[in-house]
Amino acid sequence: MTAGDGIPPELFLEGYAADVRETANRLRAVVKEAVPDAIERVRPGWALIGYDLPVRRKGVYFAWVWPEHEHVHLGFQHGIFMDDPDRRLHGAHLKLKKVRYVTVDPGEEFPEAEYVALTRHAAEIAALPAAARSALLLDRD
């Protein structure tokens, strides 16, 4: 994973409390394990660390780590298309169109292996053509 041009993630995270930084770094490690070739870069306008798949000409945005002062989100750009039988992904209740996310409080233990699997799944979904993603919704019960 290579950082894109601009602000290094470590510098971006300095604006947060140590426990939020630690949680964000643990979630960054989840993304690195799940998709080692993902391109990581700070998106200052959105105040988050975004991840692109190195596919197609411009890449494909698929995930983010979004620190806030009270917790950190691990989010997925095409989350509405992901399998979520245990209903761990949030966003539908907020009527978000297609993004979904999990939230981790600072210092909270989280199911790392499950989050790695979710992140891999998010990358697989994002890499699909738009028509194939839409077909996933049609195939659900």
Protein backbone atom coordinates (compact mmCIF):
# COMPACT_ATOMS: atom_id res chain seq x y z
CA MET A 1 0.00 0.00 0.00
CA THR A 2 1.40 3.35 -0.90
CA ALA A 3 0.33 6.71 0.39
CA GLY A 4 -0.89 9.08 -2.27
CA ASP A 5 0.44 12.57 -2.76
CA GLY A 6 -0.38 15.05 -0.05
CA ILE A 7 -0.73 14.70 3.69
CA PRO A 8 0.73 11.53 5.23
CA PRO A 9 -1.89 9.62 7.26
CA GLU A 10 0.29 9.80 10.37
CA LEU A 11 0.37 13.59 10.17
CA PHE A 12 -3.38 13.75 9.54
CA LEU A 13 -4.03 11.61 12.62
CA GLU A 14 -1.94 13.88 14.87
CA GLY A 15 -5.01 16.10 15.21
CA TYR A 16 -6.79 13.42 17.23
CA ALA A 17 -6.40 12.07 20.75
CA ALA A 18 -3.94 9.20 21.21
CA ASP A 19 -6.67 6.58 21.71
CA VAL A 20 -8.47 7.67 18.52
CA ARG A 21 -5.15 7.59 16.61
CA GLU A 22 -4.44 4.09 17.91
CA THR A 23 -7.89 2.87 16.88
CA ALA A 24 -7.54 4.47 13.45
CA ASN A 25 -4.14 2.84 12.99
CA ARG A 26 -5.56 -0.55 13.98
CA LEU A 27 -8.27 -0.12 11.33
CA ARG A 28 -5.66 1.00 8.79
CA ALA A 29 -3.85 -2.28 9.54
CA VAL A 30 -7.08 -4.16 8.82
CA VAL A 31 -7.29 -2.58 5.37
CA LYS A 32 -3.58 -3.26 4.71
CA GLU A 33 -4.02 -6.92 5.64
CA ALA A 34 -7.21 -7.30 3.61
CA VAL A 35 -6.02 -5.52 0.45
CA PRO A 36 -2.22 -5.07 0.56
CA ASP A 37 -2.07 -3.29 -2.80
CA ALA A 38 -4.75 -0.71 -1.94
CA ILE A 39 -3.67 2.88 -2.37
CA GLU A 40 -4.03 4.87 0.84
CA ARG A 41 -4.33 8.63 0.87
CA VAL A 42 -5.72 11.34 3.07
CA ARG A 43 -8.74 13.09 1.65
CA PRO A 44 -8.60 16.35 3.59
CA GLY A 45 -11.89 17.69 2.23
CA TRP A 46 -13.67 14.70 3.71
CA ALA A 47 -11.39 14.52 6.79
CA LEU A 48 -10.69 10.81 6.31
CA ILE A 49 -8.19 8.30 4.99
CA GLY A 50 -9.45 6.77 1.76
CA TYR A 51 -8.47 3.60 -0.08
CA ASP A 52 -8.49 2.94 -3.80
CA LEU A 53 -8.05 -0.32 -5.66
CA PRO A 54 -5.30 -0.10 -8.28
CA VAL A 55 -7.65 -1.11 -11.10
CA ARG A 56 -8.94 0.77 -14.08
CA ARG A 57 -7.25 3.97 -15.13
CA LYS A 58 -8.12 6.10 -12.13
CA GLY A 59 -8.49 3.36 -9.54
CA VAL A 60 -11.67 2.52 -7.66
CA TYR A 61 -12.51 4.06 -4.29
CA PHE A 62 -13.71 1.30 -1.99
CA ALA A 63 -13.05 2.00 1.70
CA TRP A 64 -12.14 4.57 4.29
CA VAL A 65 -11.01 5.05 7.86
CA TRP A 66 -12.76 8.10 9.28
CA PRO A 67 -11.61 9.28 12.70
CA GLU A 68 -13.88 11.48 14.73
CA HIS A 69 -13.21 12.75 18.23
CA GLU A 70 -15.40 10.11 19.88
CA HIS A 71 -14.85 7.05 17.63
CA VAL A 72 -13.53 5.80 14.28
CA HIS A 73 -15.46 4.41 11.31
CA LEU A 74 -14.32 1.77 8.84
CA GLY A 75 -16.50 2.38 5.83
CA PHE A 76 -17.22 0.88 2.46
CA GLN A 77 -18.19 2.92 -0.60
CA HIS A 78 -20.37 0.17 -2.11
CA GLY A 79 -21.60 -1.25 1.19
CA ILE A 80 -25.22 -1.58 0.09
CA PHE A 81 -24.11 -4.39 -2.24
CA MET A 82 -22.21 -6.32 0.46
CA ASP A 83 -23.46 -9.45 2.16
CA ASP A 84 -24.24 -8.56 5.78
CA PRO A 85 -26.24 -11.44 7.33
CA ASP A 86 -25.29 -10.40 10.89
CA ARG A 87 -26.29 -6.78 10.22
CA ARG A 88 -22.98 -5.35 11.41
CA LEU A 89 -22.89 -2.63 8.78
CA HIS A 90 -24.57 0.67 9.60
CA GLY A 91 -25.91 3.32 7.28
CA ALA A 92 -29.24 2.00 6.06
CA HIS A 93 -31.01 3.51 9.09
CA LEU A 94 -29.56 6.90 8.08
CA LYS A 95 -30.90 6.40 4.57
CA LEU A 96 -27.41 6.53 3.13
CA LYS A 97 -27.70 5.58 -0.51
CA LYS A 98 -24.92 3.04 -0.86
CA VAL A 99 -22.23 3.45 1.78
CA ARG A 100 -22.09 1.28 4.88
CA TYR A 101 -19.71 1.30 7.85
CA VAL A 102 -18.78 -0.11 11.24
CA THR A 103 -17.86 2.08 14.20
CA VAL A 104 -15.17 1.38 16.78
CA ASP A 105 -14.87 3.31 20.04
CA PRO A 106 -11.32 4.12 21.17
CA GLY A 107 -9.79 1.21 23.06
CA GLU A 108 -12.66 -1.10 22.10
CA GLU A 109 -11.78 -4.59 20.95
CA PHE A 110 -13.25 -5.44 17.58
CA PRO A 111 -13.43 -8.65 15.56
CA GLU A 112 -10.31 -8.05 13.47
CA ALA A 113 -10.64 -11.18 11.32
CA GLU A 114 -14.27 -10.31 10.56
CA TYR A 115 -13.32 -6.74 9.60
CA VAL A 116 -10.55 -8.05 7.35
CA ALA A 117 -13.10 -10.30 5.64
CA LEU A 118 -15.57 -7.40 5.28
CA THR A 119 -12.85 -5.23 3.76
CA ARG A 120 -11.86 -7.95 1.27
CA HIS A 121 -15.51 -8.37 0.36
CA ALA A 122 -15.83 -4.59 -0.12
CA ALA A 123 -12.85 -4.63 -2.49
CA GLU A 124 -14.34 -7.51 -4.49
CA ILE A 125 -17.66 -5.68 -4.81
CA ALA A 126 -16.00 -2.38 -5.78
CA ALA A 127 -13.98 -4.08 -8.51
CA LEU A 128 -17.13 -5.34 -10.22
CA PRO A 129 -18.71 -3.42 -13.10
CA ALA A 130 -21.69 -1.31 -11.98
CA ALA A 131 -24.19 -3.64 -13.68
CA ALA A 132 -22.80 -6.65 -11.84
CA ARG A 133 -23.07 -4.81 -8.50
CA SER A 134 -26.69 -3.93 -9.24
CA ALA A 135 -27.43 -7.57 -10.08
CA LEU A 136 -26.32 -8.50 -6.56
CA LEU A 137 -29.26 -6.57 -5.13
CA LEU A 138 -31.67 -8.33 -7.46
CA ASP A 139 -30.37 -11.75 -6.39
CA ARG A 140 -31.09 -11.16 -2.69
CA ASP A 141 -34.12 -12.73 -1.03
